[in-house]
Amino acid sequence: MSSVLEITDTKFKEEVFFAKQPVLIYFWASWCGPCQLVSPSISEIAKSYRNRLKVVKLEVDTNPKATAECRVKGVPALRLYKDKELLAAHEGAITKQKLIEDILDPHLS
């Protein structure tokens, strides 16, 4: 079972802005090759950080409101939020190690 919660526009604010812990949003698309490369890392992050990070994924094609609100221009894209504040953003493929070093660890210490 994956620790990544799949959400839609209708649940976006509730699951992201009103979460009790930081939230990593993974924006993806079924036609996106780099997304297929990044997805396993996102699942691993969700499992290993489950006590201090909520991980959600949102398909861009079927969820235009959240995609626009987070200013996503390309996929895969990542946004890290805490208390309605954007802490970090990344677009394009990223390695698990770089995600941990550049996005997660600086904000989850």
N, C-alpha and C. Protein backbone atom coordinates (compact mmCIF):
# COMPACT_ATOMS: atom_id res chain seq x y z
N MET A 1 0.84 -1.19 0.00
CA MET A 1 0.00 0.00 0.00
C MET A 1 0.88 1.25 0.00
N SER A 2 0.55 2.17 -0.85
CA SER A 2 1.33 3.40 -0.97
C SER A 2 0.93 4.38 0.14
N SER A 3 1.88 5.15 0.60
CA SER A 3 1.62 6.19 1.59
C SER A 3 1.29 7.52 0.92
N VAL A 4 1.24 7.53 -0.40
CA VAL A 4 0.93 8.74 -1.15
C VAL A 4 -0.58 8.83 -1.33
N LEU A 5 -1.15 9.94 -0.90
CA LEU A 5 -2.58 10.16 -1.00
C LEU A 5 -2.90 10.87 -2.31
N GLU A 6 -3.73 10.28 -3.14
CA GLU A 6 -4.12 10.91 -4.39
C GLU A 6 -5.31 11.83 -4.12
N ILE A 7 -5.17 13.10 -4.49
CA ILE A 7 -6.23 14.08 -4.22
C ILE A 7 -6.67 14.75 -5.52
N THR A 8 -7.74 15.52 -5.41
CA THR A 8 -8.29 16.28 -6.54
C THR A 8 -8.46 17.73 -6.12
N ASP A 9 -8.89 18.55 -7.07
CA ASP A 9 -9.14 19.96 -6.78
C ASP A 9 -10.06 20.15 -5.58
N THR A 10 -11.09 19.30 -5.47
CA THR A 10 -12.08 19.47 -4.40
C THR A 10 -11.50 19.24 -3.01
N LYS A 11 -10.46 18.43 -2.89
CA LYS A 11 -9.85 18.15 -1.59
C LYS A 11 -8.55 18.91 -1.37
N PHE A 12 -8.12 19.70 -2.35
CA PHE A 12 -6.81 20.33 -2.29
C PHE A 12 -6.61 21.17 -1.02
N LYS A 13 -7.47 22.15 -0.80
CA LYS A 13 -7.28 23.04 0.35
C LYS A 13 -7.34 22.29 1.67
N GLU A 14 -8.28 21.38 1.78
CA GLU A 14 -8.41 20.60 3.02
C GLU A 14 -7.17 19.76 3.29
N GLU A 15 -6.68 19.08 2.28
CA GLU A 15 -5.55 18.17 2.45
C GLU A 15 -4.19 18.86 2.52
N VAL A 16 -4.09 20.05 1.91
CA VAL A 16 -2.80 20.76 1.87
C VAL A 16 -2.76 21.92 2.85
N PHE A 17 -3.66 22.87 2.72
CA PHE A 17 -3.60 24.08 3.53
C PHE A 17 -4.01 23.86 4.98
N PHE A 18 -4.83 22.86 5.24
CA PHE A 18 -5.29 22.63 6.61
C PHE A 18 -4.66 21.39 7.25
N ALA A 19 -3.59 20.90 6.65
CA ALA A 19 -2.88 19.74 7.19
C ALA A 19 -2.12 20.16 8.45
N LYS A 20 -1.97 19.22 9.35
CA LYS A 20 -1.27 19.48 10.62
C LYS A 20 0.25 19.41 10.46
N GLN A 21 0.72 18.82 9.37
CA GLN A 21 2.15 18.69 9.15
C GLN A 21 2.48 19.21 7.75
N PRO A 22 3.76 19.38 7.43
CA PRO A 22 4.13 19.83 6.09
C PRO A 22 3.59 18.84 5.04
N VAL A 23 3.31 19.38 3.86
CA VAL A 23 2.75 18.57 2.77
C VAL A 23 3.61 18.73 1.52
N LEU A 24 4.03 17.61 0.98
CA LEU A 24 4.72 17.59 -0.31
C LEU A 24 3.69 17.21 -1.36
N ILE A 25 3.49 18.09 -2.34
CA ILE A 25 2.56 17.83 -3.43
C ILE A 25 3.36 17.42 -4.65
N TYR A 26 2.97 16.32 -5.22
CA TYR A 26 3.60 15.80 -6.43
C TYR A 26 2.60 15.96 -7.57
N PHE A 27 2.88 16.87 -8.48
CA PHE A 27 2.04 17.09 -9.66
C PHE A 27 2.57 16.22 -10.79
N TRP A 28 1.68 15.47 -11.43
CA TRP A 28 2.09 14.51 -12.45
C TRP A 28 1.05 14.43 -13.56
N ALA A 29 1.40 13.70 -14.61
CA ALA A 29 0.48 13.43 -15.72
C ALA A 29 0.77 12.03 -16.24
N SER A 30 -0.27 11.35 -16.70
CA SER A 30 -0.11 9.97 -17.17
C SER A 30 0.77 9.88 -18.42
N TRP A 31 0.81 10.93 -19.22
CA TRP A 31 1.59 10.94 -20.45
C TRP A 31 3.04 11.39 -20.24
N CYS A 32 3.40 11.71 -19.01
CA CYS A 32 4.70 12.30 -18.69
C CYS A 32 5.74 11.22 -18.38
N GLY A 33 6.71 11.06 -19.27
CA GLY A 33 7.79 10.10 -19.06
C GLY A 33 8.61 10.36 -17.81
N PRO A 34 9.09 11.60 -17.61
CA PRO A 34 9.86 11.88 -16.39
C PRO A 34 9.05 11.62 -15.10
N CYS A 35 7.73 11.76 -15.16
CA CYS A 35 6.91 11.47 -13.98
C CYS A 35 7.03 10.01 -13.59
N GLN A 36 7.11 9.15 -14.59
CA GLN A 36 7.26 7.71 -14.31
C GLN A 36 8.59 7.41 -13.63
N LEU A 37 9.60 8.22 -13.92
CA LEU A 37 10.91 8.05 -13.28
C LEU A 37 10.90 8.56 -11.83
N VAL A 38 10.15 9.62 -11.58
CA VAL A 38 10.13 10.25 -10.26
C VAL A 38 9.18 9.53 -9.30
N SER A 39 8.11 8.93 -9.81
CA SER A 39 7.08 8.32 -8.96
C SER A 39 7.60 7.35 -7.90
N PRO A 40 8.53 6.43 -8.24
CA PRO A 40 9.03 5.52 -7.19
C PRO A 40 9.71 6.27 -6.04
N SER A 41 10.43 7.32 -6.34
CA SER A 41 11.09 8.11 -5.29
C SER A 41 10.06 8.78 -4.39
N ILE A 42 8.98 9.27 -4.99
CA ILE A 42 7.92 9.92 -4.20
C ILE A 42 7.30 8.91 -3.24
N SER A 43 7.06 7.70 -3.72
CA SER A 43 6.50 6.65 -2.85
C SER A 43 7.45 6.29 -1.71
N GLU A 44 8.74 6.21 -2.01
CA GLU A 44 9.73 5.91 -0.98
C GLU A 44 9.82 7.03 0.05
N ILE A 45 9.77 8.27 -0.41
CA ILE A 45 9.79 9.43 0.50
C ILE A 45 8.57 9.38 1.41
N ALA A 46 7.41 9.09 0.85
CA ALA A 46 6.18 9.04 1.64
C ALA A 46 6.29 8.01 2.76
N LYS A 47 6.92 6.89 2.47
CA LYS A 47 7.07 5.85 3.50
C LYS A 47 8.11 6.24 4.54
N SER A 48 9.26 6.71 4.10
CA SER A 48 10.33 6.98 5.06
C SER A 48 10.12 8.26 5.87
N TYR A 49 9.32 9.21 5.36
CA TYR A 49 9.06 10.47 6.07
C TYR A 49 7.65 10.51 6.65
N ARG A 50 6.95 9.39 6.69
CA ARG A 50 5.53 9.39 7.04
C ARG A 50 5.20 10.01 8.39
N ASN A 51 6.13 10.02 9.32
CA ASN A 51 5.86 10.60 10.63
C ASN A 51 6.00 12.12 10.68
N ARG A 52 6.60 12.70 9.65
CA ARG A 52 6.78 14.16 9.69
C ARG A 52 6.42 14.86 8.41
N LEU A 53 5.84 14.13 7.45
CA LEU A 53 5.50 14.73 6.16
C LEU A 53 4.30 13.99 5.56
N LYS A 54 3.37 14.77 5.05
CA LYS A 54 2.25 14.20 4.31
C LYS A 54 2.58 14.35 2.83
N VAL A 55 2.41 13.28 2.06
CA VAL A 55 2.71 13.32 0.63
C VAL A 55 1.42 13.07 -0.14
N VAL A 56 1.10 14.01 -1.04
CA VAL A 56 -0.08 13.88 -1.88
C VAL A 56 0.32 13.99 -3.34
N LYS A 57 -0.48 13.39 -4.21
CA LYS A 57 -0.22 13.54 -5.64
C LYS A 57 -1.48 14.02 -6.32
N LEU A 58 -1.28 14.81 -7.36
CA LEU A 58 -2.37 15.47 -8.05
C LEU A 58 -2.11 15.42 -9.54
N GLU A 59 -3.02 14.85 -10.29
CA GLU A 59 -2.87 14.79 -11.73
C GLU A 59 -3.24 16.14 -12.33
N VAL A 60 -2.34 16.72 -13.11
CA VAL A 60 -2.54 18.08 -13.60
C VAL A 60 -3.68 18.22 -14.60
N ASP A 61 -3.87 17.23 -15.46
CA ASP A 61 -4.88 17.35 -16.51
C ASP A 61 -6.31 17.39 -15.97
N THR A 62 -6.56 16.71 -14.88
CA THR A 62 -7.91 16.64 -14.34
C THR A 62 -8.12 17.57 -13.13
N ASN A 63 -7.10 18.32 -12.76
CA ASN A 63 -7.18 19.22 -11.60
C ASN A 63 -6.58 20.58 -11.90
N PRO A 64 -7.20 21.33 -12.80
CA PRO A 64 -6.62 22.62 -13.23
C PRO A 64 -6.58 23.70 -12.15
N LYS A 65 -7.50 23.68 -11.20
CA LYS A 65 -7.53 24.74 -10.18
C LYS A 65 -6.31 24.69 -9.26
N ALA A 66 -6.04 23.53 -8.70
CA ALA A 66 -4.88 23.40 -7.81
C ALA A 66 -3.58 23.60 -8.58
N THR A 67 -3.56 23.09 -9.81
CA THR A 67 -2.37 23.25 -10.66
C THR A 67 -2.08 24.73 -10.89
N ALA A 68 -3.12 25.50 -11.18
CA ALA A 68 -2.96 26.94 -11.40
C ALA A 68 -2.60 27.66 -10.10
N GLU A 69 -3.26 27.28 -9.02
CA GLU A 69 -3.00 27.93 -7.73
C GLU A 69 -1.56 27.75 -7.28
N CYS A 70 -0.97 26.62 -7.62
CA CYS A 70 0.43 26.35 -7.26
C CYS A 70 1.40 26.77 -8.36
N ARG A 71 0.87 27.40 -9.39
CA ARG A 71 1.68 27.93 -10.50
C ARG A 71 2.56 26.87 -11.15
N VAL A 72 1.99 25.70 -11.37
CA VAL A 72 2.72 24.62 -12.02
C VAL A 72 2.73 24.86 -13.51
N LYS A 73 3.93 24.91 -14.08
CA LYS A 73 4.09 25.15 -15.52
C LYS A 73 4.47 23.89 -16.28
N GLY A 74 5.05 22.91 -15.59
CA GLY A 74 5.47 21.66 -16.22
C GLY A 74 5.49 20.54 -15.21
N VAL A 75 5.47 19.32 -15.71
CA VAL A 75 5.49 18.16 -14.83
C VAL A 75 6.69 17.28 -15.15
N PRO A 76 7.18 16.54 -14.17
CA PRO A 76 6.73 16.50 -12.79
C PRO A 76 7.06 17.79 -12.05
N ALA A 77 6.24 18.11 -11.07
CA ALA A 77 6.47 19.30 -10.25
C ALA A 77 6.24 18.94 -8.79
N LEU A 78 6.98 19.60 -7.93
CA LEU A 78 6.85 19.39 -6.50
C LEU A 78 6.66 20.73 -5.81
N ARG A 79 5.80 20.74 -4.81
CA ARG A 79 5.60 21.91 -3.97
C ARG A 79 5.57 21.43 -2.53
N LEU A 80 6.29 22.12 -1.65
CA LEU A 80 6.29 21.80 -0.23
C LEU A 80 5.62 22.94 0.52
N TYR A 81 4.53 22.63 1.21
CA TYR A 81 3.77 23.62 1.96
C TYR A 81 3.75 23.28 3.43
N LYS A 82 3.69 24.33 4.24
CA LYS A 82 3.42 24.17 5.67
C LYS A 82 2.65 25.39 6.13
N ASP A 83 1.53 25.16 6.79
CA ASP A 83 0.68 26.25 7.29
C ASP A 83 0.34 27.25 6.18
N LYS A 84 -0.08 26.74 5.04
CA LYS A 84 -0.49 27.53 3.86
C LYS A 84 0.66 28.29 3.21
N GLU A 85 1.87 28.08 3.65
CA GLU A 85 3.03 28.79 3.09
C GLU A 85 3.85 27.85 2.21
N LEU A 86 4.20 28.35 1.03
CA LEU A 86 5.06 27.60 0.12
C LEU A 86 6.50 27.69 0.62
N LEU A 87 7.07 26.53 0.95
CA LEU A 87 8.45 26.48 1.46
C LEU A 87 9.46 26.20 0.36
N ALA A 88 9.06 25.37 -0.61
CA ALA A 88 9.99 24.99 -1.68
C ALA A 88 9.20 24.55 -2.90
N ALA A 89 9.82 24.73 -4.07
CA ALA A 89 9.19 24.34 -5.34
C ALA A 89 10.25 23.81 -6.28
N HIS A 90 9.85 22.84 -7.09
CA HIS A 90 10.76 22.28 -8.10
C HIS A 90 9.93 21.78 -9.26
N GLU A 91 10.43 21.99 -10.47
CA GLU A 91 9.80 21.43 -11.66
C GLU A 91 10.84 20.67 -12.46
N GLY A 92 10.42 19.53 -12.99
CA GLY A 92 11.32 18.68 -13.74
C GLY A 92 11.72 17.46 -12.93
N ALA A 93 12.34 16.52 -13.60
CA ALA A 93 12.78 15.30 -12.91
C ALA A 93 13.81 15.64 -11.85
N ILE A 94 13.79 14.86 -10.78
CA ILE A 94 14.71 15.09 -9.67
C ILE A 94 15.02 13.73 -9.04
N THR A 95 16.25 13.55 -8.61
CA THR A 95 16.61 12.30 -7.95
C THR A 95 16.09 12.33 -6.51
N LYS A 96 15.93 11.17 -5.95
CA LYS A 96 15.49 11.06 -4.56
C LYS A 96 16.46 11.79 -3.63
N GLN A 97 17.76 11.59 -3.85
CA GLN A 97 18.76 12.23 -3.00
C GLN A 97 18.69 13.75 -3.07
N LYS A 98 18.53 14.29 -4.27
CA LYS A 98 18.44 15.74 -4.45
C LYS A 98 17.16 16.28 -3.80
N LEU A 99 16.07 15.54 -3.94
CA LEU A 99 14.81 15.92 -3.31
C LEU A 99 14.98 16.01 -1.79
N ILE A 100 15.64 15.03 -1.22
CA ILE A 100 15.87 15.02 0.22
C ILE A 100 16.78 16.17 0.63
N GLU A 101 17.90 16.32 -0.05
CA GLU A 101 18.91 17.32 0.32
C GLU A 101 18.45 18.76 0.07
N ASP A 102 17.80 19.00 -1.08
CA ASP A 102 17.49 20.37 -1.46
C ASP A 102 16.09 20.85 -1.02
N ILE A 103 15.15 19.93 -0.89
CA ILE A 103 13.79 20.35 -0.61
C ILE A 103 13.32 19.95 0.79
N LEU A 104 13.50 18.69 1.15
CA LEU A 104 12.94 18.20 2.41
C LEU A 104 13.76 18.55 3.63
N ASP A 105 15.00 18.11 3.68
CA ASP A 105 15.80 18.29 4.89
C ASP A 105 15.96 19.74 5.34
N PRO A 106 16.12 20.71 4.44
CA PRO A 106 16.23 22.09 4.92
C PRO A 106 14.98 22.60 5.64
N HIS A 107 13.82 21.99 5.35
CA HIS A 107 12.56 22.49 5.93
C HIS A 107 11.96 21.56 6.98
N LEU A 108 12.50 20.36 7.12
CA LEU A 108 11.91 19.40 8.05
C LEU A 108 12.81 19.06 9.22
N SER A 109 13.79 19.87 9.46
CA SER A 109 14.75 19.54 10.54
C SER A 109 14.13 19.69 11.91
